């Protein structure tokens, strides 16, 4: 039975991204746990749709849907992006999720 949703151990996470970071750099790794079993416990990660400076958030960062690792898709300039806030969703593979 898929009776437990995935849950992150922390309500929020923060990371420091150095200015002029290399594209493709790993920013942060997070992991959610689901106490169900088999498919009902397999967690996948996604980013909530949002925009920053009129561009989709997905043009700045990506997330590995299997591992929960966030990656920079561009080099960040502190004068342009001082703070980047995003919402990561965790869902399981149960039916319904």
N, C-alpha and C. Protein backbone atom coordinates (compact mmCIF):
# COMPACT_ATOMS: atom_id res chain seq x y z
N UNK A 1 0.85 -1.18 0.00
CA UNK A 1 0.00 0.00 0.00
C UNK A 1 0.89 1.24 0.00
N UNK A 2 0.53 2.20 -0.83
CA UNK A 2 1.27 3.46 -0.89
C UNK A 2 0.61 4.45 0.08
N UNK A 3 0.93 4.30 1.36
CA UNK A 3 0.26 5.14 2.36
C UNK A 3 1.18 6.16 3.01
N UNK A 4 2.40 6.31 2.50
CA UNK A 4 3.34 7.30 3.04
C UNK A 4 3.92 8.14 1.91
N UNK A 5 3.89 9.45 2.06
CA UNK A 5 4.54 10.31 1.06
C UNK A 5 6.03 10.42 1.36
N UNK A 6 6.84 10.72 0.34
CA UNK A 6 8.26 10.98 0.61
C UNK A 6 8.39 12.25 1.46
N UNK A 7 9.41 12.27 2.30
CA UNK A 7 9.62 13.44 3.17
C UNK A 7 11.11 13.75 3.25
N UNK A 8 11.42 15.04 3.20
CA UNK A 8 12.79 15.49 3.38
C UNK A 8 13.07 15.60 4.88
N UNK A 9 14.29 15.29 5.32
CA UNK A 9 14.59 15.41 6.75
C UNK A 9 14.64 16.86 7.24
N UNK A 10 14.80 17.82 6.33
CA UNK A 10 14.85 19.24 6.70
C UNK A 10 13.79 20.00 5.92
N UNK A 11 13.23 21.03 6.53
CA UNK A 11 12.20 21.85 5.88
C UNK A 11 12.80 22.72 4.77
N UNK A 12 14.06 23.12 4.93
CA UNK A 12 14.71 23.92 3.90
C UNK A 12 16.21 23.61 3.89
N UNK A 13 16.83 23.90 2.77
CA UNK A 13 18.26 23.67 2.58
C UNK A 13 18.87 24.96 2.04
N UNK A 14 20.13 25.17 2.30
CA UNK A 14 20.81 26.33 1.71
C UNK A 14 22.20 25.91 1.28
N UNK A 15 22.68 26.60 0.29
CA UNK A 15 24.02 26.32 -0.24
C UNK A 15 24.63 27.62 -0.73
N UNK A 16 25.92 27.70 -0.63
CA UNK A 16 26.67 28.84 -1.15
C UNK A 16 27.19 28.45 -2.53
N UNK A 17 26.90 29.28 -3.51
CA UNK A 17 27.40 29.05 -4.87
C UNK A 17 28.44 30.12 -5.14
N UNK A 18 29.69 29.74 -5.35
CA UNK A 18 30.72 30.75 -5.61
C UNK A 18 30.44 31.50 -6.91
N UNK A 19 30.77 32.78 -6.91
CA UNK A 19 30.60 33.58 -8.12
C UNK A 19 31.46 33.01 -9.24
N UNK A 20 30.95 33.08 -10.45
CA UNK A 20 31.63 32.56 -11.64
C UNK A 20 31.90 31.06 -11.54
N UNK A 21 30.96 30.35 -10.90
CA UNK A 21 31.06 28.90 -10.78
C UNK A 21 31.09 28.26 -12.17
N UNK A 22 31.69 27.09 -12.29
CA UNK A 22 31.67 26.42 -13.59
C UNK A 22 30.28 25.91 -13.93
N UNK A 23 29.91 25.97 -15.20
CA UNK A 23 28.63 25.40 -15.64
C UNK A 23 28.67 23.90 -15.39
N UNK A 24 27.56 23.36 -14.94
CA UNK A 24 27.48 21.93 -14.67
C UNK A 24 27.92 21.56 -13.27
N UNK A 25 28.34 22.54 -12.48
CA UNK A 25 28.81 22.26 -11.12
C UNK A 25 27.65 21.78 -10.24
N UNK A 26 27.95 20.83 -9.39
CA UNK A 26 26.98 20.36 -8.40
C UNK A 26 26.81 21.44 -7.35
N UNK A 27 25.56 21.80 -7.06
CA UNK A 27 25.27 22.86 -6.09
C UNK A 27 24.91 22.27 -4.73
N UNK A 28 24.06 21.27 -4.74
CA UNK A 28 23.52 20.74 -3.49
C UNK A 28 22.95 19.35 -3.75
N UNK A 29 23.07 18.49 -2.77
CA UNK A 29 22.46 17.16 -2.85
C UNK A 29 21.45 17.04 -1.73
N UNK A 30 20.26 16.55 -2.04
CA UNK A 30 19.24 16.35 -1.02
C UNK A 30 18.59 15.00 -1.23
N UNK A 31 18.01 14.47 -0.18
CA UNK A 31 17.43 13.14 -0.26
C UNK A 31 16.16 13.10 0.58
N UNK A 32 15.10 12.58 0.00
CA UNK A 32 13.85 12.37 0.71
C UNK A 32 13.70 10.88 0.96
N UNK A 33 13.04 10.53 2.04
CA UNK A 33 12.82 9.14 2.41
C UNK A 33 11.33 8.81 2.32
N UNK A 34 11.05 7.57 1.89
CA UNK A 34 9.67 7.09 1.84
C UNK A 34 9.66 5.72 2.51
N UNK A 35 8.93 5.57 3.63
CA UNK A 35 8.95 4.31 4.37
C UNK A 35 8.16 3.17 3.73
N UNK A 36 7.52 3.40 2.59
CA UNK A 36 6.82 2.33 1.90
C UNK A 36 7.85 1.35 1.32
N UNK A 37 7.41 0.40 0.53
CA UNK A 37 8.34 -0.57 -0.04
C UNK A 37 8.19 -0.65 -1.56
N UNK A 38 9.20 -1.19 -2.18
CA UNK A 38 9.32 -1.43 -3.63
C UNK A 38 9.02 -0.15 -4.41
N UNK A 39 8.12 -0.21 -5.39
CA UNK A 39 7.82 0.96 -6.23
C UNK A 39 7.25 2.13 -5.43
N UNK A 40 6.51 1.81 -4.40
CA UNK A 40 5.90 2.86 -3.58
C UNK A 40 6.94 3.67 -2.81
N UNK A 41 8.16 3.15 -2.72
CA UNK A 41 9.21 3.85 -1.98
C UNK A 41 10.23 4.52 -2.89
N UNK A 42 10.16 4.28 -4.21
CA UNK A 42 11.14 4.88 -5.13
C UNK A 42 10.82 6.36 -5.29
N UNK A 43 11.77 7.21 -4.90
CA UNK A 43 11.57 8.66 -4.89
C UNK A 43 12.17 9.28 -6.15
N UNK A 44 11.42 10.18 -6.76
CA UNK A 44 11.94 10.98 -7.87
C UNK A 44 11.81 12.45 -7.50
N UNK A 45 12.71 13.26 -8.04
CA UNK A 45 12.80 14.67 -7.69
C UNK A 45 12.52 15.53 -8.92
N UNK A 46 11.91 16.69 -8.67
CA UNK A 46 11.65 17.65 -9.75
C UNK A 46 11.66 19.05 -9.16
N UNK A 47 11.86 20.02 -10.05
CA UNK A 47 11.82 21.43 -9.67
C UNK A 47 10.45 22.00 -9.98
N UNK A 48 9.92 22.79 -9.07
CA UNK A 48 8.67 23.50 -9.35
C UNK A 48 8.96 24.58 -10.38
N UNK A 49 8.05 24.79 -11.30
CA UNK A 49 8.23 25.83 -12.32
C UNK A 49 8.23 27.20 -11.67
N UNK A 50 9.19 28.00 -12.03
CA UNK A 50 9.27 29.36 -11.52
C UNK A 50 10.14 30.15 -12.49
N UNK A 51 10.20 31.46 -12.30
CA UNK A 51 11.03 32.29 -13.17
C UNK A 51 11.98 33.15 -12.32
N UNK A 52 13.08 33.54 -12.95
CA UNK A 52 14.05 34.44 -12.34
C UNK A 52 14.51 35.37 -13.44
N UNK A 53 14.34 36.68 -13.23
CA UNK A 53 14.69 37.69 -14.24
C UNK A 53 14.01 37.40 -15.58
N UNK A 54 12.77 36.91 -15.51
CA UNK A 54 11.99 36.66 -16.72
C UNK A 54 12.32 35.36 -17.44
N UNK A 55 13.28 34.58 -16.94
CA UNK A 55 13.63 33.30 -17.56
C UNK A 55 13.18 32.16 -16.65
N UNK A 56 12.88 31.04 -17.27
CA UNK A 56 12.49 29.86 -16.51
C UNK A 56 13.63 29.44 -15.58
N UNK A 57 13.28 29.04 -14.39
CA UNK A 57 14.26 28.57 -13.42
C UNK A 57 15.09 27.42 -13.99
N UNK A 58 14.47 26.63 -14.87
CA UNK A 58 15.17 25.49 -15.46
C UNK A 58 16.28 25.92 -16.42
N UNK A 59 16.41 27.21 -16.72
CA UNK A 59 17.55 27.67 -17.51
C UNK A 59 18.74 28.01 -16.62
N UNK A 60 18.53 28.02 -15.30
CA UNK A 60 19.59 28.31 -14.34
C UNK A 60 20.11 27.04 -13.65
N UNK A 61 19.18 26.16 -13.27
CA UNK A 61 19.54 24.95 -12.54
C UNK A 61 18.76 23.75 -13.06
N UNK A 62 19.30 22.57 -12.81
CA UNK A 62 18.59 21.33 -13.12
C UNK A 62 18.75 20.40 -11.93
N UNK A 63 17.89 19.40 -11.88
CA UNK A 63 17.98 18.41 -10.81
C UNK A 63 17.99 17.02 -11.42
N UNK A 64 18.84 16.16 -10.90
CA UNK A 64 18.84 14.78 -11.33
C UNK A 64 17.63 14.13 -10.67
N UNK A 65 16.70 13.66 -11.47
CA UNK A 65 15.43 13.16 -10.93
C UNK A 65 15.61 11.91 -10.08
N UNK A 66 16.71 11.18 -10.26
CA UNK A 66 16.94 9.95 -9.49
C UNK A 66 17.73 10.19 -8.20
N UNK A 67 18.68 11.12 -8.24
CA UNK A 67 19.59 11.30 -7.11
C UNK A 67 19.28 12.51 -6.23
N UNK A 68 18.56 13.50 -6.74
CA UNK A 68 18.28 14.71 -5.97
C UNK A 68 19.42 15.70 -5.95
N UNK A 69 20.38 15.56 -6.87
CA UNK A 69 21.50 16.50 -6.94
C UNK A 69 21.12 17.66 -7.85
N UNK A 70 21.32 18.90 -7.34
CA UNK A 70 21.08 20.12 -8.13
C UNK A 70 22.36 20.52 -8.84
N UNK A 71 22.23 20.94 -10.10
CA UNK A 71 23.37 21.36 -10.90
C UNK A 71 23.14 22.76 -11.44
N UNK A 72 24.21 23.54 -11.53
CA UNK A 72 24.18 24.87 -12.14
C UNK A 72 24.25 24.71 -13.65
N UNK A 73 23.35 25.35 -14.36
CA UNK A 73 23.38 25.30 -15.82
C UNK A 73 24.06 26.52 -16.41
N UNK A 74 24.46 27.45 -15.53
CA UNK A 74 25.14 28.66 -15.98
C UNK A 74 26.11 29.09 -14.90
N UNK A 75 26.95 30.03 -15.25
CA UNK A 75 27.85 30.63 -14.28
C UNK A 75 27.11 31.81 -13.65
N UNK A 76 27.03 31.84 -12.33
CA UNK A 76 26.27 32.88 -11.65
C UNK A 76 27.14 34.10 -11.37
N UNK A 77 26.55 35.28 -11.58
CA UNK A 77 27.19 36.56 -11.32
C UNK A 77 26.46 37.20 -10.14
N UNK A 78 27.18 37.46 -9.05
CA UNK A 78 26.57 37.97 -7.82
C UNK A 78 25.81 39.28 -8.06
N UNK A 79 26.27 40.12 -8.97
CA UNK A 79 25.58 41.37 -9.24
C UNK A 79 24.22 41.14 -9.89
N UNK A 80 24.04 40.00 -10.55
CA UNK A 80 22.77 39.70 -11.22
C UNK A 80 21.88 38.78 -10.38
N UNK A 81 22.48 37.81 -9.70
CA UNK A 81 21.72 36.86 -8.90
C UNK A 81 22.35 36.78 -7.52
N UNK A 82 21.71 37.45 -6.56
CA UNK A 82 22.23 37.45 -5.19
C UNK A 82 21.63 36.31 -4.37
N UNK A 83 20.42 35.92 -4.71
CA UNK A 83 19.71 34.91 -3.95
C UNK A 83 18.84 34.11 -4.92
N UNK A 84 18.94 32.81 -4.84
CA UNK A 84 18.16 31.94 -5.70
C UNK A 84 17.36 31.01 -4.81
N UNK A 85 16.04 31.13 -4.86
CA UNK A 85 15.18 30.27 -4.06
C UNK A 85 14.36 29.41 -5.00
N UNK A 86 14.27 28.14 -4.67
CA UNK A 86 13.52 27.23 -5.53
C UNK A 86 12.85 26.16 -4.68
N UNK A 87 11.88 25.51 -5.26
CA UNK A 87 11.13 24.46 -4.59
C UNK A 87 11.42 23.15 -5.29
N UNK A 88 11.90 22.18 -4.52
CA UNK A 88 12.14 20.83 -5.03
C UNK A 88 11.02 19.95 -4.53
N UNK A 89 10.45 19.18 -5.45
CA UNK A 89 9.37 18.24 -5.09
C UNK A 89 9.92 16.82 -5.12
N UNK A 90 9.48 16.03 -4.16
CA UNK A 90 9.80 14.60 -4.14
C UNK A 90 8.50 13.85 -4.27
N UNK A 91 8.46 12.88 -5.16
CA UNK A 91 7.26 12.06 -5.30
C UNK A 91 7.68 10.60 -5.42
N UNK A 92 6.77 9.71 -5.05
CA UNK A 92 7.09 8.30 -5.14
C UNK A 92 6.49 7.71 -6.41
N UNK A 93 6.80 6.46 -6.68
CA UNK A 93 6.35 5.80 -7.92
C UNK A 93 5.11 4.97 -7.71
N UNK A 94 4.43 5.17 -6.60
CA UNK A 94 3.20 4.43 -6.34
C UNK A 94 2.07 4.88 -7.23
N UNK A 95 0.97 4.12 -7.19
CA UNK A 95 -0.18 4.46 -7.99
C UNK A 95 -1.40 4.52 -7.07
N UNK A 96 -1.92 5.68 -6.75
CA UNK A 96 -1.45 7.02 -7.15
C UNK A 96 -0.24 7.43 -6.33
N UNK A 97 0.56 8.36 -6.88
CA UNK A 97 1.74 8.83 -6.14
C UNK A 97 1.36 9.62 -4.90
